[in-house]
Amino acid sequence: MKNDVDKMLNKHQKLIHTNDIKVESHVQREDGDWYINTLMLENISTPFKYKRKQLYKSLQGQRVNITYYIATENVAGFEIDIMNIVRIKVA
C-alpha cells in the first residue's frame, strides 16, 4: 500500500499525503448521481471533499489516511480554499 502512495506522489507533485488524522465531522449530500462527502479534520479549518457514487459509512471519529490536493471553490461569491481528496482509507 505504501508503495502505491509513493508512486502516486512521485507522479503528481502537487499531491499531499497525510496519515492517521482524526475526522471531526463527515457530511454526505446528494448532487445528481453523486454523493459529495465533506470532512473536517482535527486541527484543520479547511474542508476536505470527495465524491462517491453511493452513500458511505460515516467516518466521524475515525482516523484516516488521505491523499489530496489544494483547490479553490466559489461559494456565495467568495473564493475559499478546499482540499480535494484523491484517495482515502481508514487508518
C-alpha atoms as a PDB file:
ATOM      1  CA  MET A   1       0.000   0.000   0.000  1.00  0.00           C
ATOM      2  CA  LYS A   2       2.736   2.487   0.893  1.00  0.00           C
ATOM      3  CA  ASN A   3       4.359   1.749  -2.447  1.00  0.00           C
ATOM      4  CA  ASP A   4       1.148   2.748  -4.297  1.00  0.00           C
ATOM      5  CA  VAL A   5       1.017   6.063  -2.434  1.00  0.00           C
ATOM      6  CA  ASP A   6       4.708   6.729  -3.148  1.00  0.00           C
ATOM      7  CA  LYS A   7       4.156   6.096  -6.864  1.00  0.00           C
ATOM      8  CA  MET A   8       1.178   8.459  -6.905  1.00  0.00           C
ATOM      9  CA  LEU A   9       3.072  11.198  -5.037  1.00  0.00           C
ATOM     10  CA  ASN A  10       6.083  10.887  -7.369  1.00  0.00           C
ATOM     11  CA  LYS A  11       3.903  11.044 -10.480  1.00  0.00           C
ATOM     12  CA  HIS A  12       1.778  14.008  -9.304  1.00  0.00           C
ATOM     13  CA  GLN A  13       3.948  16.534  -7.489  1.00  0.00           C
ATOM     14  CA  LYS A  14       1.018  18.625  -6.169  1.00  0.00           C
ATOM     15  CA  LEU A  15      -0.485  15.752  -4.165  1.00  0.00           C
ATOM     16  CA  ILE A  16      -0.118  15.741  -0.383  1.00  0.00           C
ATOM     17  CA  HIS A  17      -0.416  12.647   1.824  1.00  0.00           C
ATOM     18  CA  THR A  18      -1.395  12.627   5.499  1.00  0.00           C
ATOM     19  CA  ASN A  19      -1.558   9.553   7.729  1.00  0.00           C
ATOM     20  CA  ASP A  20      -3.634   8.807  10.816  1.00  0.00           C
ATOM     21  CA  ILE A  21      -5.646  12.038  11.102  1.00  0.00           C
ATOM     22  CA  LYS A  22      -8.932  12.142  13.015  1.00  0.00           C
ATOM     23  CA  VAL A  23     -12.203  13.018  11.268  1.00  0.00           C
ATOM     24  CA  GLU A  24     -14.135  15.567  13.350  1.00  0.00           C
ATOM     25  CA  SER A  25     -17.151  15.845  11.015  1.00  0.00           C
ATOM     26  CA  HIS A  26     -18.417  13.908   7.981  1.00  0.00           C
ATOM     27  CA  VAL A  27     -21.375  15.153   5.891  1.00  0.00           C
ATOM     28  CA  GLN A  28     -22.754  13.483   2.746  1.00  0.00           C
ATOM     29  CA  ARG A  29     -25.132  15.236   0.353  1.00  0.00           C
ATOM     30  CA  GLU A  30     -26.642  14.186  -2.940  1.00  0.00           C
ATOM     31  CA  ASP A  31     -25.629  16.035  -6.123  1.00  0.00           C
ATOM     32  CA  GLY A  32     -27.230  14.414  -9.160  1.00  0.00           C
ATOM     33  CA  ASP A  33     -25.882  10.866  -9.493  1.00  0.00           C
ATOM     34  CA  TRP A  34     -23.083  11.532  -6.986  1.00  0.00           C
ATOM     35  CA  TYR A  35     -22.744  11.981  -3.224  1.00  0.00           C
ATOM     36  CA  ILE A  36     -20.465  14.826  -2.174  1.00  0.00           C
ATOM     37  CA  ASN A  37     -18.624  13.973   1.044  1.00  0.00           C
ATOM     38  CA  THR A  38     -17.206  16.790   3.142  1.00  0.00           C
ATOM     39  CA  LEU A  39     -14.810  16.089   6.007  1.00  0.00           C
ATOM     40  CA  MET A  40     -13.493  18.389   8.692  1.00  0.00           C
ATOM     41  CA  LEU A  41     -10.280  17.049  10.186  1.00  0.00           C
ATOM     42  CA  GLU A  42      -8.711  17.522  13.587  1.00  0.00           C
ATOM     43  CA  ASN A  43      -6.931  20.905  13.981  1.00  0.00           C
ATOM     44  CA  ILE A  44      -7.577  21.920  10.333  1.00  0.00           C
ATOM     45  CA  SER A  45     -10.134  24.606   9.438  1.00  0.00           C
ATOM     46  CA  THR A  46     -10.265  23.844   5.690  1.00  0.00           C
ATOM     47  CA  PRO A  47     -12.891  21.381   4.382  1.00  0.00           C
ATOM     48  CA  PHE A  48     -11.804  18.211   2.595  1.00  0.00           C
ATOM     49  CA  LYS A  49     -14.121  16.967  -0.189  1.00  0.00           C
ATOM     50  CA  TYR A  50     -14.557  13.899  -2.364  1.00  0.00           C
ATOM     51  CA  LYS A  51     -17.297  12.298  -4.483  1.00  0.00           C
ATOM     52  CA  ARG A  52     -18.737   8.778  -4.429  1.00  0.00           C
ATOM     53  CA  LYS A  53     -21.472   7.088  -6.458  1.00  0.00           C
ATOM     54  CA  GLN A  54     -23.186   5.740  -3.315  1.00  0.00           C
ATOM     55  CA  LEU A  55     -23.581   6.606   0.358  1.00  0.00           C
ATOM     56  CA  TYR A  56     -20.669   5.606   2.561  1.00  0.00           C
ATOM     57  CA  LYS A  57     -20.496   4.776   6.245  1.00  0.00           C
ATOM     58  CA  SER A  58     -19.832   7.756   8.491  1.00  0.00           C
ATOM     59  CA  LEU A  59     -16.157   8.424   9.108  1.00  0.00           C
ATOM     60  CA  GLN A  60     -16.787  10.753  12.059  1.00  0.00           C
ATOM     61  CA  GLY A  61     -14.418   9.877  14.906  1.00  0.00           C
ATOM     62  CA  GLN A  62     -12.323   7.570  12.675  1.00  0.00           C
ATOM     63  CA  ARG A  63      -8.651   8.026  11.874  1.00  0.00           C
ATOM     64  CA  VAL A  64      -7.911   8.103   8.142  1.00  0.00           C
ATOM     65  CA  ASN A  65      -5.019   8.233   5.685  1.00  0.00           C
ATOM     66  CA  ILE A  66      -5.690  10.683   2.861  1.00  0.00           C
ATOM     67  CA  THR A  67      -4.060  11.808  -0.365  1.00  0.00           C
ATOM     68  CA  TYR A  68      -5.304  15.181  -1.592  1.00  0.00           C
ATOM     69  CA  TYR A  69      -4.530  18.404  -3.428  1.00  0.00           C
ATOM     70  CA  ILE A  70      -5.312  22.052  -2.678  1.00  0.00           C
ATOM     71  CA  ALA A  71      -8.017  23.765  -4.747  1.00  0.00           C
ATOM     72  CA  THR A  72     -10.332  26.764  -4.537  1.00  0.00           C
ATOM     73  CA  GLU A  73     -14.100  26.937  -4.859  1.00  0.00           C
ATOM     74  CA  ASN A  74     -16.540  29.839  -5.205  1.00  0.00           C
ATOM     75  CA  VAL A  75     -19.237  29.836  -2.530  1.00  0.00           C
ATOM     76  CA  ALA A  76     -21.774  32.683  -2.449  1.00  0.00           C
ATOM     77  CA  GLY A  77     -19.382  34.900  -4.405  1.00  0.00           C
ATOM     78  CA  PHE A  78     -16.407  34.203  -2.124  1.00  0.00           C
ATOM     79  CA  GLU A  79     -13.397  32.133  -3.104  1.00  0.00           C
ATOM     80  CA  ILE A  80     -12.460  29.598  -0.416  1.00  0.00           C
ATOM     81  CA  ASP A  81      -9.697  27.023  -0.173  1.00  0.00           C
ATOM     82  CA  ILE A  82     -10.721  23.368  -0.133  1.00  0.00           C
ATOM     83  CA  MET A  83      -8.819  20.119  -0.219  1.00  0.00           C
ATOM     84  CA  ASN A  84      -9.890  17.613  -2.904  1.00  0.00           C
ATOM     85  CA  ILE A  85      -9.337  14.058  -1.722  1.00  0.00           C
ATOM     86  CA  VAL A  86      -7.968  11.651  -4.325  1.00  0.00           C
ATOM     87  CA  ARG A  87      -7.627   8.649  -2.013  1.00  0.00           C
ATOM     88  CA  ILE A  88      -8.981   7.920   1.464  1.00  0.00           C
ATOM     89  CA  LYS A  89      -8.510   4.842   3.659  1.00  0.00           C
ATOM     90  CA  VAL A  90      -9.421   4.153   7.261  1.00  0.00           C
ATOM     91  CA  ALA A  91      -6.145   4.007   9.224  1.00  0.00           C
END
